[in-house]
């Protein structure tokens, strides 16, 4: 966007179009990257027309944006940055993201998509969880199976790991409940009223 700048340290906006004016700056704290690319080796294969990636699973925010004259202060907030590249579009999908703090910061990203590929339609699962200082990854290329999924949530299993994601309530923006088990051990049960979900 002309007059705006985006980089790894933050963003600077000066957007004026139609009835919209959005100006100001946000600065980012240190990024929390995944250990390696979310799609693994699949990210370099031409069979997938769309590729997802994560730049940061969580980082501090500082700064103020002015939206049509209204001041929005992001200082003390938390950011998340994901990338989507390519031309493909899923015929069905579920996406959810949450960041929360207990003794340390925790973060989760869930993406389940039915994508057209050169080999035909395929359900692809990409889930990353940072919890308690560990990184958990439930992904199709590691054998993750989507046991069920719909607009009402998903259950994903990979070996001893089982992840359940469920929106709760009938509101337009429902809280989202996340649960992760390792065998019979429930690692966490987190309900987030501010989670992203669609």
N, C-alpha and C. Protein backbone atom coordinates (compact mmCIF):
# COMPACT_ATOMS: atom_id res chain seq x y z
N UNK A 1 0.86 -1.18 0.00
CA UNK A 1 0.00 0.00 0.00
C UNK A 1 0.89 1.22 0.00
N UNK A 2 0.69 2.10 -0.97
CA UNK A 2 1.52 3.29 -1.07
C UNK A 2 1.41 4.13 0.20
N UNK A 3 2.57 4.60 0.70
CA UNK A 3 2.59 5.39 1.92
C UNK A 3 2.65 4.55 3.18
N UNK A 4 2.71 3.20 3.04
CA UNK A 4 2.78 2.31 4.18
C UNK A 4 4.01 1.43 4.08
N UNK A 5 4.44 0.90 5.23
CA UNK A 5 5.64 0.07 5.28
C UNK A 5 5.37 -1.10 6.21
N UNK A 6 5.77 -2.30 5.76
CA UNK A 6 5.64 -3.52 6.55
C UNK A 6 6.99 -4.20 6.59
N UNK A 7 7.50 -4.53 7.78
CA UNK A 7 8.72 -5.32 7.89
C UNK A 7 8.69 -6.12 9.18
N UNK A 8 9.80 -6.77 9.52
CA UNK A 8 9.83 -7.66 10.67
C UNK A 8 9.85 -6.91 12.00
N UNK A 9 10.03 -5.60 11.95
CA UNK A 9 10.03 -4.81 13.18
C UNK A 9 8.67 -4.18 13.48
N UNK A 10 7.81 -4.11 12.45
CA UNK A 10 6.50 -3.51 12.68
C UNK A 10 5.84 -3.09 11.39
N UNK A 11 4.82 -2.26 11.53
CA UNK A 11 4.13 -1.72 10.35
C UNK A 11 3.80 -0.25 10.58
N UNK A 12 3.84 0.48 9.49
CA UNK A 12 3.54 1.90 9.49
C UNK A 12 2.51 2.14 8.40
N UNK A 13 1.32 2.62 8.79
CA UNK A 13 0.20 2.73 7.86
C UNK A 13 -0.19 4.17 7.61
N UNK A 14 -0.49 4.46 6.38
CA UNK A 14 -1.11 5.73 5.99
C UNK A 14 -2.05 5.41 4.84
N UNK A 15 -3.22 4.89 5.19
CA UNK A 15 -4.19 4.41 4.21
C UNK A 15 -5.39 5.33 4.21
N UNK A 16 -5.68 5.91 3.05
CA UNK A 16 -6.81 6.83 2.90
C UNK A 16 -7.50 6.49 1.59
N UNK A 17 -8.66 5.84 1.68
CA UNK A 17 -9.38 5.45 0.48
C UNK A 17 -10.87 5.38 0.76
N UNK A 18 -11.66 5.95 -0.11
CA UNK A 18 -13.11 5.95 0.08
C UNK A 18 -13.46 6.54 1.43
N UNK A 19 -14.23 5.81 2.22
CA UNK A 19 -14.60 6.27 3.55
C UNK A 19 -13.70 5.75 4.65
N UNK A 20 -12.53 5.23 4.27
CA UNK A 20 -11.63 4.63 5.25
C UNK A 20 -10.35 5.42 5.39
N UNK A 21 -9.99 5.73 6.64
CA UNK A 21 -8.69 6.30 6.95
C UNK A 21 -8.08 5.46 8.07
N UNK A 22 -6.90 4.90 7.82
CA UNK A 22 -6.21 4.09 8.81
C UNK A 22 -4.74 4.50 8.83
N UNK A 23 -4.33 5.09 9.96
CA UNK A 23 -2.97 5.62 10.07
C UNK A 23 -2.38 5.24 11.42
N UNK A 24 -1.05 5.17 11.48
CA UNK A 24 -0.36 4.92 12.74
C UNK A 24 0.73 3.89 12.57
N UNK A 25 1.24 3.40 13.71
CA UNK A 25 2.31 2.42 13.65
C UNK A 25 2.18 1.40 14.77
N UNK A 26 2.62 0.19 14.46
CA UNK A 26 2.72 -0.89 15.45
C UNK A 26 4.15 -1.42 15.40
N UNK A 27 4.73 -1.63 16.57
CA UNK A 27 6.07 -2.22 16.66
C UNK A 27 5.95 -3.59 17.30
N UNK A 28 6.76 -4.54 16.78
CA UNK A 28 6.70 -5.91 17.25
C UNK A 28 7.82 -6.21 18.23
N UNK A 29 7.51 -7.01 19.26
CA UNK A 29 8.54 -7.56 20.14
C UNK A 29 9.19 -8.76 19.46
N UNK A 30 10.06 -9.49 20.13
CA UNK A 30 10.71 -10.65 19.50
C UNK A 30 9.69 -11.68 19.01
N UNK A 31 9.92 -12.20 17.80
CA UNK A 31 9.04 -13.23 17.24
C UNK A 31 9.27 -14.57 17.94
N UNK A 32 8.25 -15.41 17.90
CA UNK A 32 8.34 -16.79 18.36
C UNK A 32 8.12 -17.69 17.15
N UNK A 33 9.18 -18.08 16.47
CA UNK A 33 9.02 -18.92 15.27
C UNK A 33 8.87 -20.38 15.64
N UNK A 34 8.37 -21.17 14.70
CA UNK A 34 8.38 -22.62 14.84
C UNK A 34 9.79 -23.14 14.58
N UNK A 35 10.05 -24.38 14.98
CA UNK A 35 11.40 -24.94 14.81
C UNK A 35 11.77 -25.07 13.34
N UNK A 36 10.78 -25.35 12.50
CA UNK A 36 11.01 -25.43 11.06
C UNK A 36 9.68 -25.17 10.36
N UNK A 37 9.73 -25.06 9.04
CA UNK A 37 8.57 -24.69 8.23
C UNK A 37 7.34 -25.52 8.58
N UNK A 38 6.18 -24.87 8.70
CA UNK A 38 4.95 -25.55 9.10
C UNK A 38 4.59 -26.68 8.15
N UNK A 39 4.83 -26.51 6.84
CA UNK A 39 4.48 -27.54 5.86
C UNK A 39 5.59 -28.55 5.64
N UNK A 40 6.71 -28.41 6.32
CA UNK A 40 7.80 -29.35 6.15
C UNK A 40 8.23 -29.43 4.69
N UNK A 41 8.57 -30.61 4.24
CA UNK A 41 9.01 -30.78 2.86
C UNK A 41 7.88 -30.60 1.85
N UNK A 42 6.61 -30.69 2.32
CA UNK A 42 5.48 -30.50 1.40
C UNK A 42 5.47 -29.09 0.82
N UNK A 43 6.07 -28.14 1.55
CA UNK A 43 6.05 -26.76 1.10
C UNK A 43 6.80 -26.51 -0.18
N UNK A 44 7.68 -27.45 -0.58
CA UNK A 44 8.45 -27.26 -1.81
C UNK A 44 7.88 -28.08 -2.97
N UNK A 45 6.83 -28.87 -2.72
CA UNK A 45 6.26 -29.70 -3.78
C UNK A 45 5.21 -28.92 -4.58
N UNK A 46 5.24 -29.00 -5.91
CA UNK A 46 4.27 -28.26 -6.72
C UNK A 46 2.86 -28.83 -6.67
N UNK A 47 2.66 -30.00 -6.02
CA UNK A 47 1.34 -30.62 -5.97
C UNK A 47 0.36 -29.77 -5.16
N UNK A 48 0.86 -28.93 -4.24
CA UNK A 48 -0.01 -28.11 -3.41
C UNK A 48 -0.09 -26.69 -3.96
N UNK A 49 -1.30 -26.25 -4.38
CA UNK A 49 -1.43 -24.92 -4.96
C UNK A 49 -1.45 -23.80 -3.92
N UNK A 50 -1.55 -24.15 -2.63
CA UNK A 50 -1.55 -23.14 -1.58
C UNK A 50 -0.63 -23.60 -0.46
N UNK A 51 0.16 -22.67 0.06
CA UNK A 51 1.13 -23.01 1.11
C UNK A 51 0.94 -22.08 2.30
N UNK A 52 0.88 -22.68 3.49
CA UNK A 52 0.78 -21.91 4.73
C UNK A 52 2.12 -21.89 5.45
N UNK A 53 2.36 -20.81 6.14
CA UNK A 53 3.57 -20.70 6.95
C UNK A 53 3.30 -19.84 8.16
N UNK A 54 4.21 -19.91 9.12
CA UNK A 54 4.10 -19.11 10.34
C UNK A 54 5.38 -18.31 10.51
N UNK A 55 5.25 -17.01 10.65
CA UNK A 55 6.39 -16.16 10.96
C UNK A 55 6.57 -16.05 12.47
N UNK A 56 5.46 -15.89 13.19
CA UNK A 56 5.54 -15.80 14.64
C UNK A 56 4.28 -16.36 15.28
N UNK A 57 4.46 -17.27 16.23
CA UNK A 57 3.34 -17.83 16.99
C UNK A 57 2.91 -16.89 18.12
N UNK A 58 3.67 -15.81 18.33
CA UNK A 58 3.30 -14.85 19.36
C UNK A 58 4.41 -13.85 19.61
N UNK A 59 4.05 -12.57 19.73
CA UNK A 59 5.03 -11.53 20.02
C UNK A 59 4.31 -10.32 20.62
N UNK A 60 5.04 -9.48 21.31
CA UNK A 60 4.48 -8.29 21.92
C UNK A 60 4.16 -7.24 20.87
N UNK A 61 3.16 -6.42 21.19
CA UNK A 61 2.79 -5.29 20.33
C UNK A 61 2.88 -3.99 21.11
N UNK A 62 3.31 -2.95 20.42
CA UNK A 62 3.28 -1.60 20.96
C UNK A 62 2.88 -0.65 19.84
N UNK A 63 2.04 0.31 20.15
CA UNK A 63 1.70 1.31 19.15
C UNK A 63 0.22 1.61 19.10
N UNK A 64 -0.09 2.61 18.28
CA UNK A 64 -1.46 3.11 18.18
C UNK A 64 -1.83 3.25 16.71
N UNK A 65 -3.05 2.83 16.37
CA UNK A 65 -3.62 3.07 15.05
C UNK A 65 -4.84 3.97 15.20
N UNK A 66 -5.04 4.82 14.21
CA UNK A 66 -6.21 5.70 14.17
C UNK A 66 -7.11 5.22 13.03
N UNK A 67 -8.29 4.72 13.36
CA UNK A 67 -9.25 4.22 12.38
C UNK A 67 -10.40 5.22 12.28
N UNK A 68 -10.45 5.94 11.16
CA UNK A 68 -11.48 6.98 10.95
C UNK A 68 -11.59 7.92 12.16
N UNK A 69 -10.41 8.30 12.68
CA UNK A 69 -10.37 9.23 13.80
C UNK A 69 -10.49 8.58 15.17
N UNK A 70 -10.74 7.28 15.22
CA UNK A 70 -10.85 6.57 16.50
C UNK A 70 -9.51 5.96 16.86
N UNK A 71 -9.05 6.22 18.10
CA UNK A 71 -7.74 5.77 18.57
C UNK A 71 -7.83 4.34 19.10
N UNK A 72 -6.97 3.46 18.59
CA UNK A 72 -6.91 2.07 19.05
C UNK A 72 -5.50 1.80 19.54
N UNK A 73 -5.36 1.55 20.84
CA UNK A 73 -4.05 1.34 21.45
C UNK A 73 -3.76 -0.16 21.56
N UNK A 74 -2.72 -0.62 20.89
CA UNK A 74 -2.33 -2.03 20.90
C UNK A 74 -1.24 -2.32 21.92
N UNK A 75 -0.76 -1.31 22.63
CA UNK A 75 0.35 -1.50 23.57
C UNK A 75 -0.02 -2.53 24.64
N UNK A 76 0.86 -3.49 24.82
CA UNK A 76 0.62 -4.57 25.77
C UNK A 76 -0.12 -5.74 25.17
N UNK A 77 -0.49 -5.62 23.89
CA UNK A 77 -1.19 -6.71 23.21
C UNK A 77 -0.23 -7.77 22.69
N UNK A 78 -0.79 -8.77 22.06
CA UNK A 78 0.00 -9.89 21.52
C UNK A 78 -0.35 -10.09 20.06
N UNK A 79 0.66 -10.30 19.24
CA UNK A 79 0.46 -10.49 17.81
C UNK A 79 0.78 -11.90 17.35
N UNK A 80 0.29 -12.23 16.18
CA UNK A 80 0.51 -13.53 15.53
C UNK A 80 0.61 -13.24 14.04
N UNK A 81 1.60 -13.82 13.35
CA UNK A 81 1.76 -13.57 11.91
C UNK A 81 1.86 -14.90 11.17
N UNK A 82 0.96 -15.06 10.22
CA UNK A 82 0.89 -16.27 9.38
C UNK A 82 0.99 -15.84 7.93
N UNK A 83 1.47 -16.72 7.07
CA UNK A 83 1.53 -16.43 5.64
C UNK A 83 0.69 -17.45 4.88
N UNK A 84 0.09 -17.00 3.78
CA UNK A 84 -0.62 -17.88 2.86
C UNK A 84 -0.18 -17.49 1.46
N UNK A 85 0.39 -18.44 0.73
CA UNK A 85 0.88 -18.16 -0.61
C UNK A 85 0.27 -19.15 -1.59
N UNK A 86 0.16 -18.71 -2.84
CA UNK A 86 -0.33 -19.59 -3.88
C UNK A 86 -1.68 -19.15 -4.41
N UNK A 87 -2.18 -19.91 -5.35
CA UNK A 87 -3.42 -19.54 -6.04
C UNK A 87 -4.59 -20.44 -5.69
N UNK A 88 -4.34 -21.53 -4.99
CA UNK A 88 -5.41 -22.47 -4.69
C UNK A 88 -6.33 -21.97 -3.60
N UNK A 89 -7.58 -22.44 -3.63
CA UNK A 89 -8.55 -22.13 -2.59
C UNK A 89 -9.20 -23.42 -2.14
N UNK A 90 -9.33 -23.60 -0.81
CA UNK A 90 -9.96 -24.83 -0.32
C UNK A 90 -11.45 -24.84 -0.62
N UNK A 91 -11.99 -26.04 -0.87
CA UNK A 91 -13.44 -26.16 -1.06
C UNK A 91 -14.16 -26.18 0.28
N UNK A 92 -13.43 -26.49 1.35
CA UNK A 92 -13.97 -26.43 2.71
C UNK A 92 -12.78 -26.25 3.64
N UNK A 93 -12.98 -25.53 4.75
CA UNK A 93 -11.85 -25.30 5.65
C UNK A 93 -12.32 -24.96 7.05
N UNK A 94 -11.41 -25.16 8.00
CA UNK A 94 -11.58 -24.72 9.37
C UNK A 94 -10.24 -24.12 9.78
N UNK A 95 -10.28 -22.92 10.37
CA UNK A 95 -9.05 -22.25 10.82
C UNK A 95 -9.31 -21.66 12.20
N UNK A 96 -8.36 -21.82 13.11
CA UNK A 96 -8.50 -21.24 14.43
C UNK A 96 -7.12 -20.93 15.00
N UNK A 97 -7.07 -19.88 15.83
CA UNK A 97 -5.79 -19.46 16.41
C UNK A 97 -6.03 -18.82 17.77
N UNK A 98 -5.13 -19.10 18.72
CA UNK A 98 -5.26 -18.55 20.06
C UNK A 98 -3.88 -18.40 20.70
N UNK A 99 -3.74 -17.37 21.53
CA UNK A 99 -2.54 -17.16 22.34
C UNK A 99 -3.01 -16.90 23.76
N UNK A 100 -2.40 -17.57 24.74
CA UNK A 100 -2.76 -17.32 26.12
C UNK A 100 -1.54 -17.51 27.01
N UNK A 101 -1.62 -16.97 28.20
CA UNK A 101 -0.48 -17.01 29.11
C UNK A 101 -0.85 -17.70 30.42
N UNK A 102 -0.02 -18.64 30.82
CA UNK A 102 -0.11 -19.24 32.15
C UNK A 102 1.23 -18.93 32.82
N UNK A 103 2.05 -19.96 33.11
CA UNK A 103 3.40 -19.67 33.61
C UNK A 103 4.25 -19.06 32.50
N UNK A 104 3.92 -19.38 31.26
CA UNK A 104 4.61 -18.84 30.09
C UNK A 104 3.60 -18.72 28.97
N UNK A 105 4.02 -18.12 27.86
CA UNK A 105 3.09 -17.93 26.74
C UNK A 105 2.84 -19.25 26.02
N UNK A 106 1.59 -19.46 25.64
CA UNK A 106 1.18 -20.63 24.88
C UNK A 106 0.45 -20.15 23.63
N UNK A 107 0.52 -20.95 22.58
CA UNK A 107 -0.08 -20.54 21.32
C UNK A 107 -0.50 -21.77 20.53
N UNK A 108 -1.58 -21.62 19.75
CA UNK A 108 -2.06 -22.73 18.93
C UNK A 108 -2.57 -22.21 17.59
N UNK A 109 -2.28 -22.95 16.55
CA UNK A 109 -2.80 -22.69 15.21
C UNK A 109 -3.36 -24.00 14.67
N UNK A 110 -4.60 -23.96 14.18
CA UNK A 110 -5.25 -25.13 13.61
C UNK A 110 -5.76 -24.78 12.22
N UNK A 111 -5.37 -25.57 11.23
CA UNK A 111 -5.85 -25.37 9.87
C UNK A 111 -6.17 -26.73 9.26
N UNK A 112 -7.44 -26.92 8.89
CA UNK A 112 -7.88 -28.13 8.19
C UNK A 112 -8.54 -27.67 6.90
N UNK A 113 -8.07 -28.19 5.76
CA UNK A 113 -8.58 -27.73 4.47
C UNK A 113 -8.74 -28.89 3.50
N UNK A 114 -9.81 -28.85 2.74
CA UNK A 114 -9.96 -29.77 1.62
C UNK A 114 -9.50 -29.01 0.38
N UNK A 115 -8.35 -29.42 -0.15
CA UNK A 115 -7.73 -28.69 -1.24
C UNK A 115 -7.71 -29.50 -2.53
N UNK A 116 -7.90 -28.84 -3.67
CA UNK A 116 -7.66 -29.52 -4.95
C UNK A 116 -6.15 -29.65 -5.15
N UNK A 117 -5.71 -30.82 -5.57
CA UNK A 117 -4.29 -31.02 -5.89
C UNK A 117 -4.21 -31.72 -7.24
N UNK A 118 -2.99 -31.86 -7.73
CA UNK A 118 -2.81 -32.55 -9.01
C UNK A 118 -3.25 -34.01 -8.91
N UNK A 119 -3.25 -34.55 -7.69
CA UNK A 119 -3.66 -35.95 -7.49
C UNK A 119 -5.12 -36.07 -7.08
N UNK A 120 -5.87 -34.95 -7.09
CA UNK A 120 -7.28 -34.96 -6.69
C UNK A 120 -7.47 -34.28 -5.34
N UNK A 121 -8.73 -34.14 -4.89
CA UNK A 121 -9.00 -33.46 -3.62
C UNK A 121 -8.33 -34.18 -2.44
N UNK A 122 -7.84 -33.40 -1.51
CA UNK A 122 -7.12 -33.96 -0.36
C UNK A 122 -7.41 -33.10 0.87
N UNK A 123 -7.68 -33.75 2.00
CA UNK A 123 -7.83 -33.04 3.27
C UNK A 123 -6.45 -32.90 3.89
N UNK A 124 -6.02 -31.66 4.11
CA UNK A 124 -4.71 -31.39 4.65
C UNK A 124 -4.85 -30.76 6.03
N UNK A 125 -4.08 -31.25 6.98
CA UNK A 125 -4.14 -30.78 8.36
C UNK A 125 -2.79 -30.20 8.75
N UNK A 126 -2.80 -28.95 9.24
CA UNK A 126 -1.59 -28.29 9.71
C UNK A 126 -1.89 -27.66 11.07
N UNK A 127 -1.38 -28.25 12.13
CA UNK A 127 -1.62 -27.74 13.48
C UNK A 127 -0.29 -27.61 14.21
N UNK A 128 -0.09 -26.47 14.83
CA UNK A 128 1.10 -26.23 15.65
C UNK A 128 0.65 -25.76 17.02
N UNK A 129 1.24 -26.33 18.06
CA UNK A 129 0.91 -25.97 19.43
C UNK A 129 2.20 -25.70 20.19
N UNK A 130 2.31 -24.54 20.80
CA UNK A 130 3.38 -24.25 21.74
C UNK A 130 2.75 -24.23 23.12
N UNK A 131 3.17 -25.16 23.98
CA UNK A 131 2.58 -25.24 25.32
C UNK A 131 3.61 -25.74 26.31
N UNK A 132 3.74 -25.04 27.41
CA UNK A 132 4.64 -25.46 28.48
C UNK A 132 6.08 -25.57 28.04
N UNK A 133 6.49 -24.75 27.07
CA UNK A 133 7.86 -24.78 26.60
C UNK A 133 8.14 -25.84 25.55
N UNK A 134 7.11 -26.59 25.12
CA UNK A 134 7.29 -27.61 24.09
C UNK A 134 6.53 -27.25 22.83
N UNK A 135 7.00 -27.77 21.71
CA UNK A 135 6.30 -27.60 20.44
C UNK A 135 5.69 -28.93 20.04
N UNK A 136 4.38 -28.92 19.82
CA UNK A 136 3.66 -30.09 19.32
C UNK A 136 3.19 -29.78 17.90
N UNK A 137 3.29 -30.76 17.04
CA UNK A 137 2.91 -30.55 15.65
C UNK A 137 2.06 -31.72 15.19
N UNK A 138 0.80 -31.45 14.82
CA UNK A 138 -0.08 -32.47 14.28
C UNK A 138 -0.33 -32.10 12.82
N UNK A 139 0.29 -32.83 11.92
CA UNK A 139 0.27 -32.45 10.50
C UNK A 139 0.11 -33.70 9.64
N UNK A 140 -0.48 -33.51 8.48
CA UNK A 140 -0.75 -34.65 7.59
C UNK A 140 0.52 -35.39 7.22
N UNK A 141 1.62 -34.66 6.97
CA UNK A 141 2.83 -35.34 6.53
C UNK A 141 3.51 -36.13 7.64
N UNK A 142 3.00 -36.02 8.88
CA UNK A 142 3.48 -36.87 9.98
C UNK A 142 2.43 -37.91 10.36
N UNK A 143 1.40 -38.03 9.56
CA UNK A 143 0.39 -39.06 9.80
C UNK A 143 -0.82 -38.60 10.59
N UNK A 144 -0.99 -37.30 10.78
CA UNK A 144 -2.17 -36.81 11.50
C UNK A 144 -3.43 -37.16 10.72
N UNK A 145 -4.45 -37.62 11.44
CA UNK A 145 -5.73 -37.97 10.82
C UNK A 145 -6.81 -37.06 11.39
N UNK A 146 -7.61 -36.49 10.50
CA UNK A 146 -8.74 -35.67 10.92
C UNK A 146 -9.91 -36.61 11.15
N UNK A 147 -10.19 -36.90 12.42
CA UNK A 147 -11.24 -37.87 12.74
C UNK A 147 -12.62 -37.31 12.49
N UNK A 148 -12.80 -36.01 12.71
CA UNK A 148 -14.06 -35.35 12.38
C UNK A 148 -13.81 -33.86 12.27
N UNK A 149 -14.57 -33.21 11.40
CA UNK A 149 -14.49 -31.76 11.32
C UNK A 149 -15.70 -31.22 10.57
N UNK A 150 -16.13 -30.04 11.03
CA UNK A 150 -17.26 -29.33 10.45
C UNK A 150 -17.19 -27.91 10.99
N UNK A 151 -18.23 -27.13 10.77
CA UNK A 151 -18.27 -25.79 11.33
C UNK A 151 -18.34 -25.83 12.86
N UNK A 152 -18.66 -27.00 13.41
CA UNK A 152 -18.77 -27.16 14.86
C UNK A 152 -17.47 -27.63 15.51
N UNK A 153 -16.39 -27.69 14.74
CA UNK A 153 -15.10 -28.02 15.32
C UNK A 153 -14.41 -29.18 14.64
N UNK A 154 -13.34 -29.65 15.28
CA UNK A 154 -12.54 -30.72 14.71
C UNK A 154 -11.88 -31.54 15.80
N UNK A 155 -11.63 -32.81 15.48
CA UNK A 155 -10.83 -33.69 16.33
C UNK A 155 -9.73 -34.27 15.43
N UNK A 156 -8.49 -34.09 15.87
CA UNK A 156 -7.33 -34.51 15.08
C UNK A 156 -6.47 -35.42 15.94
N UNK A 157 -6.03 -36.53 15.36
CA UNK A 157 -5.22 -37.49 16.11
C UNK A 157 -3.93 -37.77 15.35
N UNK A 158 -2.85 -37.85 16.12
CA UNK A 158 -1.55 -38.24 15.55
C UNK A 158 -0.78 -39.01 16.61
N UNK A 159 -0.68 -40.30 16.42
CA UNK A 159 -0.04 -41.14 17.43
C UNK A 159 -0.78 -41.02 18.75
N UNK A 160 -0.04 -40.68 19.81
CA UNK A 160 -0.64 -40.55 21.14
C UNK A 160 -1.31 -39.20 21.35
N UNK A 161 -1.14 -38.27 20.41
CA UNK A 161 -1.71 -36.93 20.57
C UNK A 161 -3.12 -36.86 19.99
N UNK A 162 -4.01 -36.19 20.71
CA UNK A 162 -5.36 -35.93 20.21
C UNK A 162 -5.73 -34.50 20.55
N UNK A 163 -6.14 -33.75 19.54
CA UNK A 163 -6.49 -32.33 19.68
C UNK A 163 -7.95 -32.13 19.32
N UNK A 164 -8.70 -31.47 20.20
CA UNK A 164 -10.10 -31.13 19.94
C UNK A 164 -10.25 -29.61 19.96
N UNK A 165 -10.94 -29.08 18.96
CA UNK A 165 -11.19 -27.64 18.83
C UNK A 165 -12.69 -27.46 18.63
N UNK A 166 -13.34 -26.69 19.54
CA UNK A 166 -14.79 -26.56 19.47
C UNK A 166 -15.23 -25.13 19.80
N UNK A 167 -15.99 -24.49 18.89
CA UNK A 167 -16.60 -23.22 19.26
C UNK A 167 -17.75 -23.47 20.23
N UNK A 168 -17.93 -22.58 21.18
CA UNK A 168 -19.00 -22.75 22.17
C UNK A 168 -19.92 -21.54 22.16
N UNK A 169 -21.22 -21.80 22.18
CA UNK A 169 -22.20 -20.72 22.17
C UNK A 169 -22.66 -20.40 20.76
N UNK A 170 -23.68 -19.57 20.68
CA UNK A 170 -24.31 -19.25 19.40
C UNK A 170 -23.97 -17.85 18.90
N UNK A 171 -23.03 -17.18 19.58
CA UNK A 171 -22.68 -15.82 19.17
C UNK A 171 -21.95 -15.82 17.83
N UNK A 172 -21.96 -14.63 17.16
CA UNK A 172 -21.24 -14.50 15.90
C UNK A 172 -19.75 -14.74 16.10
N UNK A 173 -19.23 -14.34 17.27
CA UNK A 173 -17.82 -14.60 17.61
C UNK A 173 -17.79 -15.43 18.89
N UNK A 174 -17.86 -16.75 18.77
CA UNK A 174 -17.96 -17.60 19.97
C UNK A 174 -16.60 -17.77 20.65
N UNK A 175 -16.60 -18.07 21.97
CA UNK A 175 -15.35 -18.55 22.56
C UNK A 175 -15.01 -19.90 21.96
N UNK A 176 -13.74 -20.25 21.98
CA UNK A 176 -13.29 -21.51 21.40
C UNK A 176 -12.58 -22.32 22.48
N UNK A 177 -12.95 -23.59 22.58
CA UNK A 177 -12.34 -24.49 23.55
C UNK A 177 -11.32 -25.38 22.85
N UNK A 178 -10.12 -25.41 23.41
CA UNK A 178 -9.02 -26.22 22.89
C UNK A 178 -8.62 -27.24 23.96
N UNK A 179 -8.51 -28.52 23.56
CA UNK A 179 -8.03 -29.54 24.47
C UNK A 179 -7.01 -30.41 23.74
N UNK A 180 -5.92 -30.70 24.43
CA UNK A 180 -4.87 -31.55 23.87
C UNK A 180 -4.54 -32.66 24.86
N UNK A 181 -4.62 -33.90 24.38
CA UNK A 181 -4.27 -35.06 25.17
C UNK A 181 -3.01 -35.71 24.62
N UNK A 182 -2.22 -36.28 25.52
CA UNK A 182 -1.12 -37.16 25.14
C UNK A 182 -1.39 -38.49 25.82
N UNK A 183 -1.87 -39.44 25.06
CA UNK A 183 -2.39 -40.67 25.65
C UNK A 183 -3.62 -40.33 26.47
N UNK A 184 -3.68 -40.78 27.72
CA UNK A 184 -4.81 -40.47 28.59
C UNK A 184 -4.60 -39.17 29.37
N UNK A 185 -3.46 -38.55 29.21
CA UNK A 185 -3.10 -37.34 29.96
C UNK A 185 -3.60 -36.08 29.24
N UNK A 186 -4.51 -35.34 29.89
CA UNK A 186 -4.98 -34.07 29.33
C UNK A 186 -3.94 -33.00 29.61
N UNK A 187 -3.28 -32.52 28.56
CA UNK A 187 -2.23 -31.52 28.73
C UNK A 187 -2.81 -30.14 29.04
N UNK A 188 -3.89 -29.77 28.35
CA UNK A 188 -4.56 -28.51 28.68
C UNK A 188 -5.99 -28.53 28.20
N UNK A 189 -6.79 -27.68 28.83
CA UNK A 189 -8.19 -27.45 28.48
C UNK A 189 -8.37 -25.94 28.56
N UNK A 190 -8.32 -25.28 27.43
CA UNK A 190 -8.30 -23.82 27.39
C UNK A 190 -9.50 -23.28 26.65
N UNK A 191 -10.24 -22.36 27.27
CA UNK A 191 -11.38 -21.70 26.64
C UNK A 191 -11.02 -20.24 26.40
N UNK A 192 -11.06 -19.80 25.14
CA UNK A 192 -10.61 -18.45 24.78
C UNK A 192 -11.74 -17.66 24.14
N UNK A 193 -12.25 -16.61 24.82
CA UNK A 193 -13.31 -15.79 24.22
C UNK A 193 -12.81 -14.89 23.09
N UNK A 194 -11.49 -14.77 22.95
CA UNK A 194 -10.93 -13.87 21.93
C UNK A 194 -10.27 -14.64 20.79
N UNK A 195 -10.42 -15.93 20.74
CA UNK A 195 -9.75 -16.75 19.72
C UNK A 195 -10.28 -16.40 18.33
N UNK A 196 -9.41 -16.60 17.36
CA UNK A 196 -9.84 -16.51 15.96
C UNK A 196 -10.45 -17.83 15.54
N UNK A 197 -11.55 -17.79 14.82
CA UNK A 197 -12.20 -19.03 14.38
C UNK A 197 -13.05 -18.77 13.15
N UNK A 198 -12.81 -19.53 12.11
CA UNK A 198 -13.71 -19.52 10.95
C UNK A 198 -13.54 -20.79 10.14
